[in-house]
Every structure is written in C-alpha cells, then in structure tokens.
C-alpha cells in the first residue's frame, strides 16, 4: 500500500513508528529524500547549498513551531536516516544506490 508522508521534521521517529505499525508482515518502507553529500564539506556542493537554504528558511522554522520537536531540517544524511529508523524500531535502514537520480536518494526500511 503506497503512502505519502510529507516531511515529518517535527517528530520523524513518531511518524516512522506509526508507519512501521501499519505494515503487513513482510512489508517494508521506501523513503525518497533529497540527495545530499554523505558528510558536510565547505564549501558545500551547489545542490547542498540550495537544500540548506530550504532548511534554514522553510523546513526548520516550520518544524520548530510544534513542541516537542526534533527540529530536523531539509538535509538528512544517511547516518541520520539510519538513526531515525533504528529509534523507530526498524532493524535495517539501507541506502539504495539505484535508481541513480540527480536530486533524490532512496532508503529501504525493514522492520
């Protein structure tokens, strides 16, 4: 069953936990997220700079209007996605290298 969830910057672990509980046995979660560098580097790549702009001026302020909040912005790196998935009860969070797209990266979460 495909489900679309907007960015859950306020409480991503709660959202992922809820989605995990909705899965049928053997079900998985596929996340499409912005493709960013694996680590922060300065100066950042042009796309990372754009995502940081979205983060600072849109996603992060919106996430901080709710309490409690995880206050996550736009830039989610693989290590952050793995931590959030683990905290939500997923035993595996795998970054997928295919399909190779310029702007998106995919993660497969397995309960």
C-alpha atoms as a PDB file:
ATOM      1  CA  UNK A   1       0.000   0.000   0.000  1.00  0.00           C
ATOM      2  CA  UNK A   2       1.715   3.229  -1.092  1.00  0.00           C
ATOM      3  CA  UNK A   3       1.502   6.045   1.443  1.00  0.00           C
ATOM      4  CA  UNK A   4       2.833   9.554   1.005  1.00  0.00           C
ATOM      5  CA  UNK A   5       4.036  11.356   4.103  1.00  0.00           C
ATOM      6  CA  UNK A   6       5.210  14.932   3.952  1.00  0.00           C
ATOM      7  CA  UNK A   7       8.497  15.685   5.637  1.00  0.00           C
ATOM      8  CA  UNK A   8       7.986  14.945   9.313  1.00  0.00           C
ATOM      9  CA  UNK A   9      10.556  17.360  10.692  1.00  0.00           C
ATOM     10  CA  UNK A  10       8.703  17.843  13.939  1.00  0.00           C
ATOM     11  CA  UNK A  11       8.647  14.230  15.122  1.00  0.00           C
ATOM     12  CA  UNK A  12      10.131  11.909  12.484  1.00  0.00           C
ATOM     13  CA  UNK A  13      10.582   8.958  14.873  1.00  0.00           C
ATOM     14  CA  UNK A  14       6.889   9.079  15.821  1.00  0.00           C
ATOM     15  CA  UNK A  15       5.868   9.166  12.153  1.00  0.00           C
ATOM     16  CA  UNK A  16       8.198   6.299  11.205  1.00  0.00           C
ATOM     17  CA  UNK A  17       6.998   4.261  14.200  1.00  0.00           C
ATOM     18  CA  UNK A  18       3.382   4.753  13.122  1.00  0.00           C
ATOM     19  CA  UNK A  19       4.159   3.749   9.540  1.00  0.00           C
ATOM     20  CA  UNK A  20       6.038   0.658  10.799  1.00  0.00           C
ATOM     21  CA  UNK A  21       2.993  -0.423  12.823  1.00  0.00           C
ATOM     22  CA  UNK A  22       0.790  -0.132   9.712  1.00  0.00           C
ATOM     23  CA  UNK A  23       2.920  -2.539   7.683  1.00  0.00           C
ATOM     24  CA  UNK A  24       1.707  -6.002   6.840  1.00  0.00           C
ATOM     25  CA  UNK A  25       4.024  -8.865   7.782  1.00  0.00           C
ATOM     26  CA  UNK A  26       6.920  -8.767   5.333  1.00  0.00           C
ATOM     27  CA  UNK A  27       6.191  -5.141   4.416  1.00  0.00           C
ATOM     28  CA  UNK A  28       8.890  -2.516   4.004  1.00  0.00           C
ATOM     29  CA  UNK A  29       9.050   1.277   3.829  1.00  0.00           C
ATOM     30  CA  UNK A  30      10.609   3.113   0.890  1.00  0.00           C
ATOM     31  CA  UNK A  31      11.691   6.692   1.577  1.00  0.00           C
ATOM     32  CA  UNK A  32      12.600   9.192  -1.133  1.00  0.00           C
ATOM     33  CA  UNK A  33      14.629  12.078   0.253  1.00  0.00           C
ATOM     34  CA  UNK A  34      16.818  14.865  -1.053  1.00  0.00           C
ATOM     35  CA  UNK A  35      20.177  13.641  -2.303  1.00  0.00           C
ATOM     36  CA  UNK A  36      22.896  15.328  -0.263  1.00  0.00           C
ATOM     37  CA  UNK A  37      26.578  14.684   0.300  1.00  0.00           C
ATOM     38  CA  UNK A  38      27.401  11.930   2.792  1.00  0.00           C
ATOM     39  CA  UNK A  39      29.210  14.419   5.039  1.00  0.00           C
ATOM     40  CA  UNK A  40      29.276  18.171   5.409  1.00  0.00           C
ATOM     41  CA  UNK A  41      32.021  19.847   3.418  1.00  0.00           C
ATOM     42  CA  UNK A  42      32.769  23.519   2.940  1.00  0.00           C
ATOM     43  CA  UNK A  43      32.191  24.963   0.542  1.00  0.00           C
ATOM     44  CA  UNK A  44      29.157  22.756   0.020  1.00  0.00           C
ATOM     45  CA  UNK A  45      28.058  21.441  -3.368  1.00  0.00           C
ATOM     46  CA  UNK A  46      25.615  23.722  -5.207  1.00  0.00           C
ATOM     47  CA  UNK A  47      22.633  21.418  -4.529  1.00  0.00           C
ATOM     48  CA  UNK A  48      23.533  21.073  -0.841  1.00  0.00           C
ATOM     49  CA  UNK A  49      23.618  24.873  -0.559  1.00  0.00           C
ATOM     50  CA  UNK A  50      20.131  25.024  -2.062  1.00  0.00           C
ATOM     51  CA  UNK A  51      18.890  22.378   0.400  1.00  0.00           C
ATOM     52  CA  UNK A  52      20.475  24.271   3.316  1.00  0.00           C
ATOM     53  CA  UNK A  53      18.556  27.356   2.147  1.00  0.00           C
ATOM     54  CA  UNK A  54      15.282  25.396   2.162  1.00  0.00           C
ATOM     55  CA  UNK A  55      16.205  24.039   5.566  1.00  0.00           C
ATOM     56  CA  UNK A  56      17.034  27.358   7.214  1.00  0.00           C
ATOM     57  CA  UNK A  57      14.177  29.379   5.760  1.00  0.00           C
ATOM     58  CA  UNK A  58      11.341  26.849   5.460  1.00  0.00           C
ATOM     59  CA  UNK A  59      11.631  23.317   6.879  1.00  0.00           C
ATOM     60  CA  UNK A  60      13.441  24.017  10.141  1.00  0.00           C
ATOM     61  CA  UNK A  61      11.295  27.016  11.179  1.00  0.00           C
ATOM     62  CA  UNK A  62       8.127  25.045  10.351  1.00  0.00           C
ATOM     63  CA  UNK A  63       9.358  22.066  12.390  1.00  0.00           C
ATOM     64  CA  UNK A  64      10.105  24.318  15.346  1.00  0.00           C
ATOM     65  CA  UNK A  65       6.501  25.572  15.607  1.00  0.00           C
ATOM     66  CA  UNK A  66       5.477  22.285  17.245  1.00  0.00           C
ATOM     67  CA  UNK A  67       6.504  21.119  20.721  1.00  0.00           C
ATOM     68  CA  UNK A  68       8.102  18.732  21.322  1.00  0.00           C
ATOM     69  CA  UNK A  69      10.130  18.840  18.132  1.00  0.00           C
ATOM     70  CA  UNK A  70      13.134  17.044  16.707  1.00  0.00           C
ATOM     71  CA  UNK A  71      13.756  20.253  14.715  1.00  0.00           C
ATOM     72  CA  UNK A  72      15.100  18.470  11.668  1.00  0.00           C
ATOM     73  CA  UNK A  73      15.543  20.491   8.532  1.00  0.00           C
ATOM     74  CA  UNK A  74      15.864  19.524   4.896  1.00  0.00           C
ATOM     75  CA  UNK A  75      19.342  17.980   4.910  1.00  0.00           C
ATOM     76  CA  UNK A  76      19.102  14.386   6.141  1.00  0.00           C
ATOM     77  CA  UNK A  77      22.231  12.338   5.678  1.00  0.00           C
ATOM     78  CA  UNK A  78      22.356   8.540   5.608  1.00  0.00           C
ATOM     79  CA  UNK A  79      23.610   8.320   9.202  1.00  0.00           C
ATOM     80  CA  UNK A  80      20.684  10.458  10.388  1.00  0.00           C
ATOM     81  CA  UNK A  81      18.207   8.324   8.443  1.00  0.00           C
ATOM     82  CA  UNK A  82      19.712   5.155   9.965  1.00  0.00           C
ATOM     83  CA  UNK A  83      19.454   6.604  13.484  1.00  0.00           C
ATOM     84  CA  UNK A  84      15.837   7.711  12.999  1.00  0.00           C
ATOM     85  CA  UNK A  85      14.879   4.330  11.536  1.00  0.00           C
ATOM     86  CA  UNK A  86      16.553   2.480  14.389  1.00  0.00           C
ATOM     87  CA  UNK A  87      14.837   4.652  17.003  1.00  0.00           C
ATOM     88  CA  UNK A  88      11.517   3.933  15.254  1.00  0.00           C
ATOM     89  CA  UNK A  89      12.061   0.183  15.595  1.00  0.00           C
ATOM     90  CA  UNK A  90      13.353  -0.729  12.145  1.00  0.00           C
ATOM     91  CA  UNK A  91      16.061  -3.377  12.231  1.00  0.00           C
ATOM     92  CA  UNK A  92      17.512  -2.331   8.873  1.00  0.00           C
ATOM     93  CA  UNK A  93      17.828   1.015   7.085  1.00  0.00           C
ATOM     94  CA  UNK A  94      19.538   0.584   3.736  1.00  0.00           C
ATOM     95  CA  UNK A  95      20.543   3.430   1.450  1.00  0.00           C
ATOM     96  CA  UNK A  96      19.776   2.356  -2.109  1.00  0.00           C
ATOM     97  CA  UNK A  97      22.218   3.321  -4.842  1.00  0.00           C
ATOM     98  CA  UNK A  98      19.683   2.726  -7.614  1.00  0.00           C
ATOM     99  CA  UNK A  99      17.918   4.342  -9.261  1.00  0.00           C
ATOM    100  CA  UNK A 100      20.650   6.951  -9.602  1.00  0.00           C
ATOM    101  CA  UNK A 101      18.882  10.312  -9.729  1.00  0.00           C
ATOM    102  CA  UNK A 102      20.328  13.809  -9.530  1.00  0.00           C
ATOM    103  CA  UNK A 103      18.027  15.106  -6.797  1.00  0.00           C
ATOM    104  CA  UNK A 104      16.717  12.105  -4.863  1.00  0.00           C
ATOM    105  CA  UNK A 105      18.127   9.300  -2.745  1.00  0.00           C
ATOM    106  CA  UNK A 106      16.129   6.280  -1.594  1.00  0.00           C
ATOM    107  CA  UNK A 107      16.176   4.322   1.656  1.00  0.00           C
ATOM    108  CA  UNK A 108      14.629   0.921   2.347  1.00  0.00           C
ATOM    109  CA  UNK A 109      13.480   0.402   5.946  1.00  0.00           C
ATOM    110  CA  UNK A 110      12.810  -3.156   7.118  1.00  0.00           C
ATOM    111  CA  UNK A 111      11.091  -3.905  10.455  1.00  0.00           C
END
